[in-house]
Protein backbone atom coordinates (compact mmCIF):
# COMPACT_ATOMS: atom_id res chain seq x y z
CA MET A 1 33.77 1.50 131.21
CA ALA A 2 31.97 4.67 130.08
CA SER A 3 28.62 3.36 131.28
CA LEU A 4 30.15 2.20 134.54
CA ALA A 5 31.65 5.65 135.12
CA ALA A 6 28.31 7.25 134.33
CA THR A 7 26.55 5.15 136.95
CA ASP A 8 28.81 6.68 139.61
CA TYR A 9 26.57 9.73 139.35
CA VAL A 10 23.32 7.75 139.54
CA LEU A 11 21.98 6.16 142.70
CA PRO A 12 18.80 4.08 142.84
CA ALA A 13 15.86 6.45 143.08
CA THR A 14 14.01 6.72 146.38
CA VAL A 15 10.50 7.98 146.93
CA THR A 16 10.39 10.75 149.53
CA PRO A 17 7.01 11.23 151.23
CA PRO A 18 5.45 14.55 150.14
CA ARG A 19 5.48 16.03 153.66
CA ILE A 20 9.15 15.17 154.15
CA ALA A 21 10.01 16.63 150.74
CA ALA A 22 8.11 19.83 151.58
CA ILE A 23 10.07 20.22 154.83
CA GLN A 24 13.35 19.61 153.01
CA ARG A 25 12.57 22.34 150.49
CA ALA A 26 11.47 24.70 153.25
CA LEU A 27 14.81 24.14 154.98
CA MET A 28 16.64 24.99 151.76
CA TRP A 29 14.63 28.21 151.55
CA ALA A 30 15.42 29.01 155.19
CA VAL A 31 19.14 28.40 154.61
CA GLY A 32 19.01 30.87 151.72
CA VAL A 33 17.35 33.53 153.86
CA GLY A 34 19.54 32.85 156.88
CA GLY A 35 22.71 33.32 154.86
CA ALA A 36 21.99 37.05 154.75
CA ILE A 37 21.97 37.55 158.54
CA VAL A 38 25.44 36.88 159.87
CA PHE A 39 26.31 39.90 162.05
CA ILE A 40 25.30 37.95 165.17
CA GLU A 41 26.83 34.71 166.45
CA PRO A 42 25.68 32.07 166.22
CA SER A 43 23.95 33.42 163.13
CA PRO A 44 20.61 32.16 161.78
CA TYR A 45 22.60 30.61 158.93
CA GLU A 46 24.51 28.35 161.33
CA LEU A 47 21.37 27.35 163.20
CA VAL A 48 19.30 26.61 160.10
CA THR A 49 22.18 24.80 158.39
CA LEU A 50 22.70 22.62 161.47
CA ALA A 51 18.98 21.83 161.60
CA SER A 52 19.07 21.02 157.87
CA VAL A 53 22.04 18.68 158.24
CA ILE A 54 20.30 16.78 161.04
CA PHE A 55 16.96 16.55 159.22
CA PHE A 56 18.39 15.52 155.85
CA PHE A 57 20.59 12.82 157.37
CA ALA A 58 17.65 11.58 159.42
CA THR A 59 15.42 11.36 156.33
CA GLY A 60 18.01 9.86 154.00
CA LEU A 61 21.06 11.66 152.61
CA ARG A 62 23.41 9.62 150.46
CA MET A 63 27.07 9.96 149.58
CA ARG A 64 27.81 9.58 145.86
CA PRO A 65 31.13 8.23 144.55
CA VAL A 66 31.53 11.38 142.47
CA PHE A 67 31.93 13.41 145.67
CA ILE A 68 34.94 11.43 146.92
CA PRO A 69 37.48 13.81 145.28
CA LEU A 70 35.67 16.74 146.90
CA LEU A 71 35.76 14.98 150.26
CA ILE A 72 39.47 14.18 149.95
CA LEU A 73 40.45 17.71 148.94
CA LEU A 74 38.39 19.30 151.71
CA PHE A 75 39.87 16.90 154.26
CA LEU A 76 43.46 17.48 153.14
CA LEU A 77 42.95 21.25 153.02
CA ASN A 78 41.75 21.39 156.60
CA MET A 79 44.31 18.87 157.79
CA GLY A 80 46.94 21.26 156.44
CA TYR A 81 45.40 24.10 158.41
CA THR A 82 45.20 21.98 161.56
CA ILE A 83 48.75 20.61 161.38
CA CYS A 84 50.24 24.06 160.84
CA SER A 85 48.31 25.56 163.76
CA ILE A 86 49.06 22.93 166.42
CA TYR A 87 51.43 25.24 168.26
CA LEU A 88 48.84 28.04 168.12
CA LEU A 89 45.76 26.19 169.38
CA ASP A 90 46.08 27.78 172.81
CA LYS A 91 44.95 31.02 171.14
CA LYS A 92 41.18 31.25 171.05
CA GLU A 93 40.98 33.14 167.76
CA VAL A 94 43.14 30.53 165.99
CA LEU A 95 41.10 27.64 167.40
CA ASN A 96 37.90 29.34 166.25
CA TRP A 97 39.42 29.85 162.80
CA ILE A 98 40.27 26.16 162.49
CA LEU A 99 36.84 25.03 163.69
CA THR A 100 35.16 27.44 161.28
CA SER A 101 37.22 26.06 158.40
CA TRP A 102 36.15 22.49 159.18
CA TYR A 103 32.54 23.61 159.55
CA LEU A 104 32.52 25.40 156.18
CA ALA A 105 34.04 22.34 154.51
CA ILE A 106 31.23 20.22 155.95
CA THR A 107 28.62 22.67 154.64
CA ALA A 108 30.15 22.49 151.14
CA LEU A 109 29.89 18.70 151.14
CA PHE A 110 26.38 18.94 152.59
CA PHE A 111 25.13 21.22 149.80
CA ALA A 112 26.71 18.93 147.22
CA MET A 113 24.90 15.89 148.62
CA VAL A 114 21.55 17.62 149.16
CA LEU A 115 21.21 19.41 145.82
CA SER A 116 22.32 16.42 143.76
CA GLU A 117 18.88 14.91 144.43
CA ASP A 118 15.49 16.51 143.76
CA THR A 119 17.70 19.14 142.17
CA ALA A 120 15.20 21.35 140.38
CA ASP A 121 12.85 21.86 143.34
CA ARG A 122 15.49 22.15 146.06
CA LEU A 123 17.57 24.54 143.96
CA GLU A 124 14.51 26.70 143.28
CA SER A 125 13.74 26.86 147.01
CA LEU A 126 17.30 27.90 147.78
CA ARG A 127 17.21 30.48 144.97
CA ARG A 128 14.05 32.08 146.36
CA GLY A 129 15.53 32.16 149.85
CA LEU A 130 18.74 33.79 148.63
CA ILE A 131 16.79 36.50 146.83
CA LEU A 132 14.67 37.30 149.90
CA GLY A 133 17.73 37.32 152.13
CA ALA A 134 19.55 39.63 149.73
CA LEU A 135 16.63 42.07 149.72
CA LEU A 136 16.54 42.12 153.53
CA ALA A 137 20.29 42.71 153.78
CA SER A 138 20.16 45.37 151.04
CA LEU A 139 17.28 47.27 152.62
CA ALA A 140 19.06 47.21 155.98
CA GLY A 141 22.23 48.60 154.42
CA ILE A 142 20.37 51.30 152.48
CA ALA A 143 18.31 52.30 155.52
CA GLY A 144 21.44 52.53 157.64
CA TYR A 145 23.42 54.50 155.08
CA PHE A 146 20.73 57.13 154.56
CA HIS A 147 19.89 57.33 158.30
CA LEU A 148 16.39 55.97 157.70
CA ALA A 149 16.68 53.74 160.77
CA GLY A 150 17.95 56.43 163.15
CA SER A 151 21.41 56.73 164.69
CA GLY A 152 21.21 53.21 166.10
CA GLY A 153 20.46 51.79 162.68
CA TYR A 154 23.33 53.76 161.17
CA ASP A 155 25.78 52.31 163.70
CA LEU A 156 24.40 48.80 163.21
CA PHE A 157 24.09 48.69 159.43
CA THR A 158 27.11 50.77 158.34
CA LEU A 159 30.85 50.64 158.92
CA TYR A 160 33.35 53.37 158.02
CA SER A 161 30.51 55.26 156.26
CA ARG A 162 29.87 52.21 154.06
CA ALA A 163 26.74 50.07 154.02
CA ARG A 164 27.25 46.66 155.56
CA GLY A 165 23.61 45.69 156.13
CA THR A 166 23.27 42.50 158.15
CA PHE A 167 26.93 41.59 157.64
CA LYS A 168 30.03 42.47 159.66
CA ASP A 169 31.96 43.79 156.66
CA PRO A 170 30.81 45.92 153.69
CA ASN A 171 33.06 43.89 151.38
CA VAL A 172 31.30 40.66 152.33
CA LEU A 173 27.87 42.27 151.89
CA GLY A 174 28.76 43.36 148.37
CA ALA A 175 30.18 39.95 147.45
CA TYR A 176 27.20 38.08 148.89
CA LEU A 177 24.71 40.12 146.86
CA ILE A 178 26.20 39.17 143.48
CA LEU A 179 24.49 35.78 143.10
CA PRO A 180 20.99 37.01 144.11
CA ALA A 181 21.48 39.97 141.75
CA LEU A 182 22.18 37.54 138.89
CA PHE A 183 19.05 35.55 139.77
CA LEU A 184 16.99 38.74 139.63
CA LEU A 185 18.59 39.80 136.35
CA GLN A 186 17.68 36.42 134.84
CA THR A 187 14.05 36.92 135.79
CA VAL A 188 14.08 40.38 134.21
CA VAL A 189 15.42 38.89 131.00
CA THR A 190 13.27 35.77 130.74
CA GLN A 191 9.92 36.16 132.54
CA SER A 192 6.60 37.90 131.84
CA PHE A 193 6.18 41.66 132.18
CA TRP A 194 4.95 41.79 135.78
CA LYS A 195 7.49 39.28 137.05
CA SER A 196 10.20 41.16 135.19
CA PHE A 197 8.99 44.47 136.64
CA ARG A 198 9.05 43.17 140.22
CA SER A 199 12.46 41.63 139.71
CA ALA A 200 13.74 44.87 138.17
CA ILE A 201 12.76 46.72 141.35
CA GLY A 202 14.51 44.06 143.43
CA LEU A 203 17.58 44.25 141.21
CA GLY A 204 17.66 48.02 141.67
CA ILE A 205 17.57 47.64 145.47
CA VAL A 206 20.33 45.03 145.49
CA SER A 207 22.48 47.01 143.03
CA LEU A 208 22.13 50.15 145.13
CA ALA A 209 23.29 48.22 148.21
CA VAL A 210 26.31 46.93 146.29
CA LEU A 211 27.17 50.49 145.27
CA LEU A 212 26.78 51.82 148.83
CA ALA A 213 29.02 49.06 150.19
CA PHE A 214 31.81 50.85 148.29
CA SER A 215 33.63 47.61 147.57
CA ARG A 216 35.62 47.95 144.37
CA ALA A 217 35.78 44.18 143.93
CA SER A 218 31.99 43.90 144.27
CA TRP A 219 31.43 46.72 141.78
CA GLY A 220 33.60 44.91 139.28
CA GLN A 221 31.97 41.57 140.04
CA LEU A 222 28.45 42.90 139.56
CA VAL A 223 29.29 44.31 136.13
CA ALA A 224 31.56 41.50 134.95
CA CYS A 225 29.45 38.60 136.26
CA SER A 226 26.26 40.13 134.83
CA GLY A 227 27.88 40.52 131.43
CA PHE A 228 29.40 37.04 131.58
CA MET A 229 26.08 35.42 132.55
CA LEU A 230 24.14 37.27 129.85
CA MET A 231 26.72 36.18 127.29
CA LEU A 232 26.32 32.54 128.39
CA MET A 233 22.54 32.86 128.25
CA TYR A 234 22.78 34.37 124.76
CA MET A 235 25.01 31.49 123.63
CA THR A 236 22.87 28.73 125.13
CA THR A 237 19.33 29.89 124.34
CA PRO A 238 17.82 28.37 121.15
CA SER A 239 15.33 31.24 120.76
CA GLN A 240 16.18 34.23 118.57
CA ALA A 241 13.47 36.26 120.35
CA GLN A 242 15.10 35.47 123.68
CA ARG A 243 18.48 36.57 122.36
CA THR A 244 17.01 39.86 121.21
CA ARG A 245 15.46 40.38 124.63
CA ILE A 246 18.77 39.64 126.37
CA VAL A 247 20.55 42.29 124.32
CA THR A 248 17.73 44.83 124.83
CA VAL A 249 17.59 44.30 128.59
CA ALA A 250 21.37 44.47 128.87
CA ILE A 251 21.42 47.87 127.14
CA ALA A 252 18.49 49.14 129.24
CA ALA A 253 20.13 47.93 132.47
CA ALA A 254 23.39 49.70 131.57
CA ILE A 255 21.52 52.95 130.90
CA CYS A 256 19.55 52.71 134.17
CA ALA A 257 22.72 51.94 136.13
CA ALA A 258 24.45 54.97 134.63
CA LEU A 259 21.51 57.25 135.48
CA LEU A 260 21.39 55.89 139.05
CA LEU A 261 25.11 56.48 139.45
CA VAL A 262 24.81 60.06 138.19
CA LEU A 263 21.95 60.70 140.63
CA LEU A 264 23.85 59.29 143.60
CA LEU A 265 27.00 61.21 142.75
CA SER A 266 25.03 64.41 143.12
CA PHE A 267 25.16 63.78 146.88
CA ASP A 268 28.43 65.10 148.30
CA SER A 269 28.79 62.31 150.87
CA VAL A 270 28.38 59.63 148.20
CA SER A 271 30.52 61.43 145.63
CA GLY A 272 33.50 61.92 147.97
CA LEU A 273 33.63 58.30 149.16
CA PHE A 274 33.02 56.99 145.64
CA LYS A 275 36.00 58.91 144.25
CA GLU A 276 38.17 57.73 147.12
CA ARG A 277 37.18 54.06 146.74
CA ALA A 278 37.30 54.12 142.94
CA SER A 279 40.91 55.26 142.96
CA PHE A 280 43.51 52.61 142.14
CA ASN A 281 46.19 54.59 143.97
CA GLN A 282 45.27 53.49 147.49
CA THR A 283 48.06 53.58 150.08
CA TYR A 284 47.33 49.99 151.14
CA ASP A 285 47.64 48.76 147.54
CA SER A 286 50.92 50.35 146.46
CA GLY A 287 54.44 50.23 147.82
CA ARG A 288 56.73 47.39 148.87
CA PHE A 289 54.39 46.34 151.68
CA GLY A 290 51.17 47.23 149.88
CA ARG A 291 48.65 44.62 148.84
CA PHE A 292 50.52 43.43 145.76
CA GLY A 293 53.94 43.85 147.29
CA ARG A 294 52.83 41.60 150.15
CA HIS A 295 51.69 39.00 147.64
CA ALA A 296 55.16 38.77 146.08
CA LEU A 297 56.96 38.70 149.42
CA GLY A 298 54.45 36.24 150.88
CA PHE A 299 54.87 33.72 148.06
CA GLN A 300 58.64 33.95 148.52
CA MET A 301 58.13 33.03 152.17
CA ALA A 302 55.78 30.20 151.19
CA LEU A 303 58.50 28.51 149.12
CA GLU A 304 60.76 28.44 152.18
CA LEU A 305 58.17 27.34 154.77
CA PRO A 306 56.58 23.92 154.08
CA LEU A 307 54.47 24.25 157.22
CA GLY A 308 53.55 27.88 156.67
CA ILE A 309 53.20 30.23 159.62
CA GLY A 310 49.71 29.28 160.82
CA PRO A 311 46.31 30.98 160.56
CA LEU A 312 45.98 34.70 161.39
CA GLN A 313 49.77 35.13 161.68
CA PHE A 314 50.51 36.95 158.42
CA SER A 315 49.82 40.36 159.96
CA ASN A 316 52.62 39.71 162.46
CA TYR A 317 55.09 39.86 159.57
CA PHE A 318 53.40 42.46 157.35
CA PRO A 319 51.28 45.58 158.00
CA GLU A 320 48.01 43.86 156.90
CA ASP A 321 46.52 40.46 156.08
CA THR A 322 47.27 38.54 152.89
CA HIS A 323 44.25 39.73 150.84
CA ASN A 324 44.86 36.74 148.58
CA SER A 325 43.16 33.44 149.37
CA PHE A 326 45.72 31.35 147.49
CA LEU A 327 48.58 32.95 149.41
CA ASN A 328 46.62 32.60 152.63
CA ALA A 329 46.26 28.86 152.01
CA PHE A 330 50.07 28.55 151.83
CA MET A 331 50.62 30.77 154.87
CA SER A 332 47.91 29.20 157.04
CA GLY A 333 48.20 25.56 156.01
CA GLY A 334 51.63 25.14 154.47
CA TRP A 335 52.24 23.30 151.22
CA ILE A 336 49.40 20.85 151.87
CA ALA A 337 46.70 23.53 151.96
CA GLY A 338 48.61 25.66 149.45
CA VAL A 339 48.26 22.90 146.86
CA CYS A 340 44.82 21.60 147.81
CA PHE A 341 42.98 24.95 147.83
CA PRO A 342 43.85 25.99 144.25
CA ALA A 343 43.38 22.37 143.10
CA LEU A 344 39.88 22.33 144.58
CA VAL A 345 38.98 25.72 143.11
CA PHE A 346 40.38 25.24 139.62
CA ILE A 347 39.06 21.69 139.22
CA THR A 348 35.62 23.06 140.09
CA VAL A 349 35.96 25.89 137.56
CA ILE A 350 37.19 23.59 134.77
CA MET A 351 34.37 21.11 135.39
CA GLY A 352 31.97 24.05 135.53
CA PHE A 353 32.91 25.22 132.05
CA LYS A 354 32.18 21.75 130.68
CA LEU A 355 28.56 21.92 131.88
CA ILE A 356 27.63 25.25 130.33
CA PHE A 357 26.00 23.72 127.24
CA VAL A 358 24.48 20.67 128.94
CA ARG A 359 20.68 20.80 128.55
CA VAL A 360 19.14 20.25 131.97
CA PRO A 361 15.95 21.72 133.50
CA TRP A 362 18.00 23.95 135.82
CA GLN A 363 20.49 25.15 133.18
CA ARG A 364 19.53 28.81 133.51
CA THR A 365 19.98 28.77 137.29
CA TYR A 366 23.28 26.96 136.85
CA LEU A 367 24.60 29.70 134.56
CA ALA A 368 23.99 32.29 137.30
CA ILE A 369 25.67 30.13 139.94
CA PHE A 370 28.67 29.39 137.74
CA SER A 371 29.08 33.07 136.81
CA ALA A 372 28.97 34.15 140.47
CA PHE A 373 31.35 31.36 141.52
CA PHE A 374 33.82 32.17 138.75
CA GLY A 375 33.70 35.86 139.72
CA THR A 376 34.36 34.98 143.36
CA VAL A 377 37.34 32.83 142.37
CA CYS A 378 38.78 35.78 140.46
CA GLU A 379 38.18 37.98 143.51
CA ALA A 380 40.12 35.48 145.62
CA PHE A 381 43.33 36.83 144.06
CA VAL A 382 42.85 40.22 145.77
CA ILE A 383 40.87 39.44 148.92
CA ASP A 384 40.45 36.69 151.53
CA ILE A 385 37.35 34.62 150.77
CA ASP A 386 38.39 31.63 152.89
CA HIS A 387 35.60 32.04 155.44
CA TRP A 388 32.84 33.45 153.25
CA ARG A 389 29.83 31.22 153.84
CA HIS A 390 28.35 31.86 150.41
CA PHE A 391 31.61 30.84 148.70
CA TRP A 392 31.52 27.37 150.25
CA MET A 393 27.79 27.16 149.54
CA MET A 394 28.42 27.88 145.86
CA LEU A 395 31.31 25.39 145.81
CA GLY A 396 29.00 22.66 147.12
CA ILE A 397 26.26 23.65 144.67
CA MET A 398 28.72 23.42 141.78
CA TRP A 399 29.61 19.82 142.67
CA ALA A 400 25.91 19.01 143.09
CA MET A 401 25.31 20.36 139.58
CA PHE A 402 28.02 18.09 138.19
CA ALA A 403 26.43 14.99 139.71
CA ALA A 404 22.85 16.00 138.89
CA ALA A 405 23.64 16.92 135.28
CA HIS A 406 25.47 13.67 134.58
CA ALA A 407 22.71 11.65 136.26
CA TYR A 408 20.05 13.49 134.25
CA THR A 409 21.78 12.99 130.90
CA TYR A 410 22.57 9.35 131.73
CA ARG A 411 18.91 8.63 132.48
CA ALA A 412 17.89 10.46 129.31
CA ARG A 413 20.18 8.21 127.23
CA THR A 414 19.22 5.08 129.18
CA PRO A 415 15.46 4.93 129.80
CA ASP A 416 15.77 1.73 131.87
CA ALA A 417 18.45 3.25 134.16
CA PRO A 418 17.80 3.05 137.93
C-alpha cells in the first residue's frame, strides 16, 4: 500500500523536445515578471498566464492524483462563493469578484501541475522572473515616492504618500515583494562574492520599497520571514561553514537595515508617516467597530448565517471591510467557503512543514517559498489576501513541491521506477 500511494506522485516520464522545454521555461520567467505589473487591466500577468495555460496544455500537461484534494477544495470554495452571491450577480463588481476567484483557483491548480514536472528548471525560471519583476516594481515605487519620475510618476506610483509601484495598493506591493526579497537574501548567504554583492544591492532596493510602502504587515513579514527562512537554512545545511556564513550575514543585514532606517528617518516626510504607520493605536484598529472588533462581531454573524452575506457586502454592515481572509470566506461564501478556505490553507501549511528536511535539488528555493507562504497565511488574519495573485501562485507552488518531492524521493529509493 505504501508503494502504491507513492506512485500517485509519479507519472511515467515523458521526453519534452528541447525547443518546447525552452519555451515553457521562458513562459515561467515571463509569468514571474508579469506578476509585478498589475495596475492595468488586463494586466501582463493575466495575459502571460493565459498564454502559458494554453501552451502547456497544448504541449502536454498532466493531472496527478495527488492534486485531487486541491481540486476538490478549490471547487467547493468557489462554489460556496457562487451560491451565496446568486442574488447579487446583477451587480457588476460582485460578478467580477466571483469570476476573479474562479480564475485565481485555476491558476493555483495550473502552477501545481506545471511545477511538479521539470521542477528544478521551471522553478528557477520562475524565481528569476519574480526577482526581476520585484526590482522593476520596487524601482517604480522608489522613483515615484522621491519624485524622481516627475509629478506624473508620483501620481502613478504612489498612493496616500505611500509607494505602490506597479500595484494598485501599497499593502499589496509590500506583500508581493517578500518572496523575491527572500530569494535575494538566499543568494547573499550562499553564493560567491560577486553574486552576493549584486544580490545585496537588489535586496536593498526591494527592502527600501517595502519600507516606503508603509505597510506594517509587510514590515513584520520581511523581518519575520527572513529570520524564519535563515533559521530553516541553518537547521538544514550540513556545512558548518555555511552555518557560520548564515549567522554572519544575518547580523550584517540587521545592522545595514538599522542604518538605512536611521538615514531615512532623518527626512521629515518619511519620519512623520513612519511614526503614524508604526503606531498600534490606529483609529481603524481599535474600538467596537475597529478591525478586531469587526472580527468578533463578524464571526458571531457567521455562526447565524449559513449562506453568509455575499461578496463585497461586509462594508454595508460595518464601517470597513473584514480585513481577515478567514472571516471573509464565511461572509462571502457561507459555511461552505468558511470551512474550505482554512482547510485548504492549513493542510498546505502542515504538509509544508513535513517537507522542510526532505533533501531535494530545489530544497533551498522551497524554504524561501514556504517561509513566504507561511508569513502570508499569518497575515491573512489581519488583512484580505483572497485576491492576491501571488498568494494563489505560492499555494500552487506548494502543492507542486509536495508532488515533486515525493516523486523525487520515490525514484531515489526505487531505481527502476517509471
